[in-house]
Amino acid sequence: MSGSDTAGPSRLVVAAAVLDRLEHPTTLLCAARSYPPEHAGQYELPGGKVEPAETPRQALARELDEEIGLRVRLGSELVAPGDLAVPAPPGGAPGDEAPAWPAMHGFRMRVWLAEPARLGDRGRAGADHQRLEWVSLDPPDRLRQLAWLEADLPIIDALVAALGR
């Protein structure tokens, strides 16, 4: 998720926890950032900003296609727990009514589980990412060993818990 720009607290970004498959997943797509320098090499869930007139789901599909050349099927949303959830701003954009995860620079982030639309599609690292890695979900602490952006750590923990690992 690109988070290098500054924004007000109501700006929404979206990301995907891209699994090799939604049913009985074994790997997660982890993206190592290219920039800014202070975050280069750190991992994130791919995604980006919701533009005006886009729904969060539309933005996520566009961002994944642009950033990593991957078309996905979305699964359920990974909802932030109440103690972390950032409420939607009053009078926010249509489709931005749900609470979200706190993200860098005052952004709010909504996250969906996803799988590649075509079996075996692995995506590709573009300008935003140094590399993409499909990381095994077993053992579960393997994901935590990667150098994640701080904002993504609670999401990774919630993902591991949601997958029952």
Protein backbone atom coordinates (compact mmCIF):
# COMPACT_ATOMS: atom_id res chain seq x y z
CA MET A 1 0.00 0.00 0.00
CA SER A 2 1.55 3.27 -1.05
CA GLY A 3 1.63 5.53 1.97
CA SER A 4 4.43 7.98 1.31
CA ASP A 5 2.18 10.99 0.71
CA THR A 6 0.71 13.09 3.47
CA ALA A 7 -3.04 13.37 3.78
CA GLY A 8 -5.83 14.25 6.14
CA PRO A 9 -7.18 11.64 8.52
CA SER A 10 -10.12 10.80 6.25
CA ARG A 11 -8.14 9.69 3.16
CA LEU A 12 -8.91 6.07 2.33
CA VAL A 13 -6.50 3.52 0.91
CA VAL A 14 -7.18 -0.11 0.09
CA ALA A 15 -5.04 -3.24 0.14
CA ALA A 16 -5.32 -6.94 -0.55
CA ALA A 17 -4.03 -9.93 1.33
CA VAL A 18 -3.50 -11.92 -1.87
CA LEU A 19 -3.48 -15.63 -1.09
CA ASP A 20 -2.65 -18.40 -3.56
CA ARG A 21 -6.29 -19.43 -3.13
CA LEU A 22 -9.09 -18.31 -0.84
CA GLU A 23 -10.04 -21.86 0.16
CA HIS A 24 -7.23 -23.63 2.02
CA PRO A 25 -4.51 -21.02 1.30
CA THR A 26 -0.85 -21.94 1.65
CA THR A 27 0.97 -18.73 0.63
CA LEU A 28 0.57 -14.94 0.85
CA LEU A 29 1.85 -12.39 -1.66
CA CYS A 30 4.22 -9.99 0.14
CA ALA A 31 5.44 -6.87 -1.64
CA ALA A 32 8.74 -5.15 -0.74
CA ARG A 33 8.54 -1.38 -1.30
CA SER A 34 10.89 0.48 -3.62
CA TYR A 35 10.42 3.90 -2.00
CA PRO A 36 10.51 6.21 -0.11
CA PRO A 37 14.08 5.55 1.07
CA GLU A 38 13.04 5.11 4.71
CA HIS A 39 10.65 2.30 3.71
CA ALA A 40 12.56 0.72 0.80
CA GLY A 41 12.75 -3.03 1.27
CA GLN A 42 9.97 -3.13 3.86
CA TYR A 43 7.00 -5.33 3.10
CA GLU A 44 3.41 -4.29 2.65
CA LEU A 45 0.14 -5.62 1.35
CA PRO A 46 -0.29 -4.30 -2.20
CA GLY A 47 -2.90 -1.65 -2.91
CA GLY A 48 -3.20 2.12 -2.98
CA LYS A 49 -5.34 5.22 -2.81
CA VAL A 50 -9.04 5.41 -3.58
CA GLU A 51 -9.57 8.13 -6.15
CA PRO A 52 -12.66 10.37 -6.32
CA ALA A 53 -15.69 8.62 -7.86
CA GLU A 54 -14.18 5.14 -7.22
CA THR A 55 -15.57 2.60 -4.81
CA PRO A 56 -12.99 0.94 -2.56
CA ARG A 57 -13.33 -2.32 -4.52
CA GLN A 58 -12.87 -0.56 -7.87
CA ALA A 59 -9.79 1.22 -6.52
CA LEU A 60 -8.32 -2.04 -5.26
CA ALA A 61 -8.78 -3.76 -8.63
CA ARG A 62 -7.18 -0.79 -10.43
CA GLU A 63 -4.26 -0.49 -7.99
CA LEU A 64 -3.41 -4.21 -8.10
CA ASP A 65 -3.49 -4.17 -11.90
CA GLU A 66 -1.31 -1.02 -12.07
CA GLU A 67 1.16 -1.89 -9.29
CA ILE A 68 1.69 -5.61 -9.69
CA GLY A 69 -0.10 -6.58 -12.93
CA LEU A 70 -2.47 -8.89 -11.10
CA ARG A 71 -6.20 -9.32 -11.51
CA VAL A 72 -7.87 -10.87 -8.49
CA ARG A 73 -11.11 -12.28 -7.14
CA LEU A 74 -11.95 -10.58 -3.89
CA GLY A 75 -13.05 -12.52 -0.85
CA SER A 76 -14.23 -11.14 2.46
CA GLU A 77 -12.98 -7.94 4.03
CA LEU A 78 -10.49 -8.28 6.88
CA VAL A 79 -12.14 -5.94 9.36
CA ALA A 80 -10.11 -4.04 11.94
CA PRO A 81 -10.94 -4.96 15.55
CA GLY A 82 -12.81 -2.33 17.56
CA ASP A 83 -9.74 -1.25 19.54
CA LEU A 84 -7.86 -0.40 16.32
CA ALA A 85 -10.68 0.58 13.96
CA VAL A 86 -10.66 4.12 12.61
CA PRO A 87 -14.24 5.22 11.93
CA ALA A 88 -15.28 6.60 8.58
CA PRO A 89 -15.44 10.37 8.55
CA PRO A 90 -18.87 11.98 8.63
CA GLY A 91 -20.00 12.82 5.13
CA GLY A 92 -17.23 10.70 3.63
CA ALA A 93 -17.14 9.42 0.07
CA PRO A 94 -19.76 6.89 -1.06
CA GLY A 95 -18.51 3.38 -0.29
CA ASP A 96 -16.33 4.70 2.53
CA GLU A 97 -18.74 4.11 5.39
CA ALA A 98 -16.92 1.21 7.04
CA PRO A 99 -14.34 1.48 9.81
CA ALA A 100 -10.78 0.87 8.64
CA TRP A 101 -7.29 0.00 9.83
CA PRO A 102 -4.99 2.87 10.79
CA ALA A 103 -2.32 3.38 8.15
CA MET A 104 0.69 5.64 7.71
CA HIS A 105 0.39 9.41 7.50
CA GLY A 106 -3.17 9.55 8.81
CA PHE A 107 -4.62 7.35 6.11
CA ARG A 108 -7.34 4.79 6.82
CA MET A 109 -6.95 1.38 5.14
CA ARG A 110 -9.49 -1.27 4.25
CA VAL A 111 -8.17 -4.75 3.46
CA TRP A 112 -9.73 -7.63 1.52
CA LEU A 113 -8.71 -11.23 1.15
CA ALA A 114 -8.10 -12.05 -2.51
CA GLU A 115 -6.81 -14.71 -4.88
CA PRO A 116 -5.42 -14.43 -8.41
CA ALA A 117 -8.22 -14.48 -10.98
CA ARG A 118 -6.16 -16.91 -13.08
CA LEU A 119 -4.72 -19.96 -11.37
CA GLY A 120 -0.94 -19.70 -11.16
CA ASP A 121 -0.77 -15.95 -11.88
CA ARG A 122 2.02 -14.61 -9.65
CA GLY A 123 1.98 -10.87 -10.43
CA ARG A 124 5.11 -8.83 -11.19
CA ALA A 125 7.08 -6.20 -9.32
CA GLY A 126 6.65 -2.78 -10.93
CA ALA A 127 8.09 0.61 -9.99
CA ASP A 128 6.44 0.59 -6.54
CA HIS A 129 8.04 -2.67 -5.38
CA GLN A 130 11.58 -4.08 -5.36
CA ARG A 131 10.23 -7.60 -5.36
CA LEU A 132 7.18 -9.76 -4.77
CA GLU A 133 7.45 -12.91 -2.69
CA TRP A 134 4.90 -15.65 -2.15
CA VAL A 135 5.55 -16.58 1.48
CA SER A 136 4.37 -19.79 3.12
CA LEU A 137 1.69 -19.44 5.79
CA ASP A 138 3.24 -22.36 7.69
CA PRO A 139 4.69 -21.90 10.16
CA PRO A 140 2.56 -18.80 10.91
CA ASP A 141 5.44 -16.87 12.47
CA ARG A 142 7.28 -16.97 9.12
CA LEU A 143 5.23 -13.97 7.97
CA ARG A 144 6.17 -12.01 11.10
CA GLN A 145 9.87 -12.54 10.33
CA LEU A 146 9.62 -10.24 7.31
CA ALA A 147 10.38 -6.53 7.73
CA TRP A 148 6.78 -5.23 7.45
CA LEU A 149 5.73 -1.61 7.50
CA GLU A 150 4.64 -0.96 11.07
CA ALA A 151 1.05 -0.20 10.02
CA ASP A 152 0.72 -3.62 8.36
CA LEU A 153 1.81 -5.68 11.39
CA PRO A 154 -1.60 -5.79 13.15
CA ILE A 155 -3.18 -6.69 9.81
CA ILE A 156 -0.77 -9.60 9.35
CA ASP A 157 -1.56 -10.79 12.90
CA ALA A 158 -5.31 -10.56 12.18
CA LEU A 159 -4.86 -12.40 8.89
CA VAL A 160 -2.99 -15.26 10.54
CA ALA A 161 -5.73 -15.48 13.21
CA ALA A 162 -8.52 -15.34 10.61
CA LEU A 163 -6.91 -18.20 8.70
CA GLY A 164 -6.78 -20.26 11.89
CA ARG A 165 -3.02 -20.52 12.04
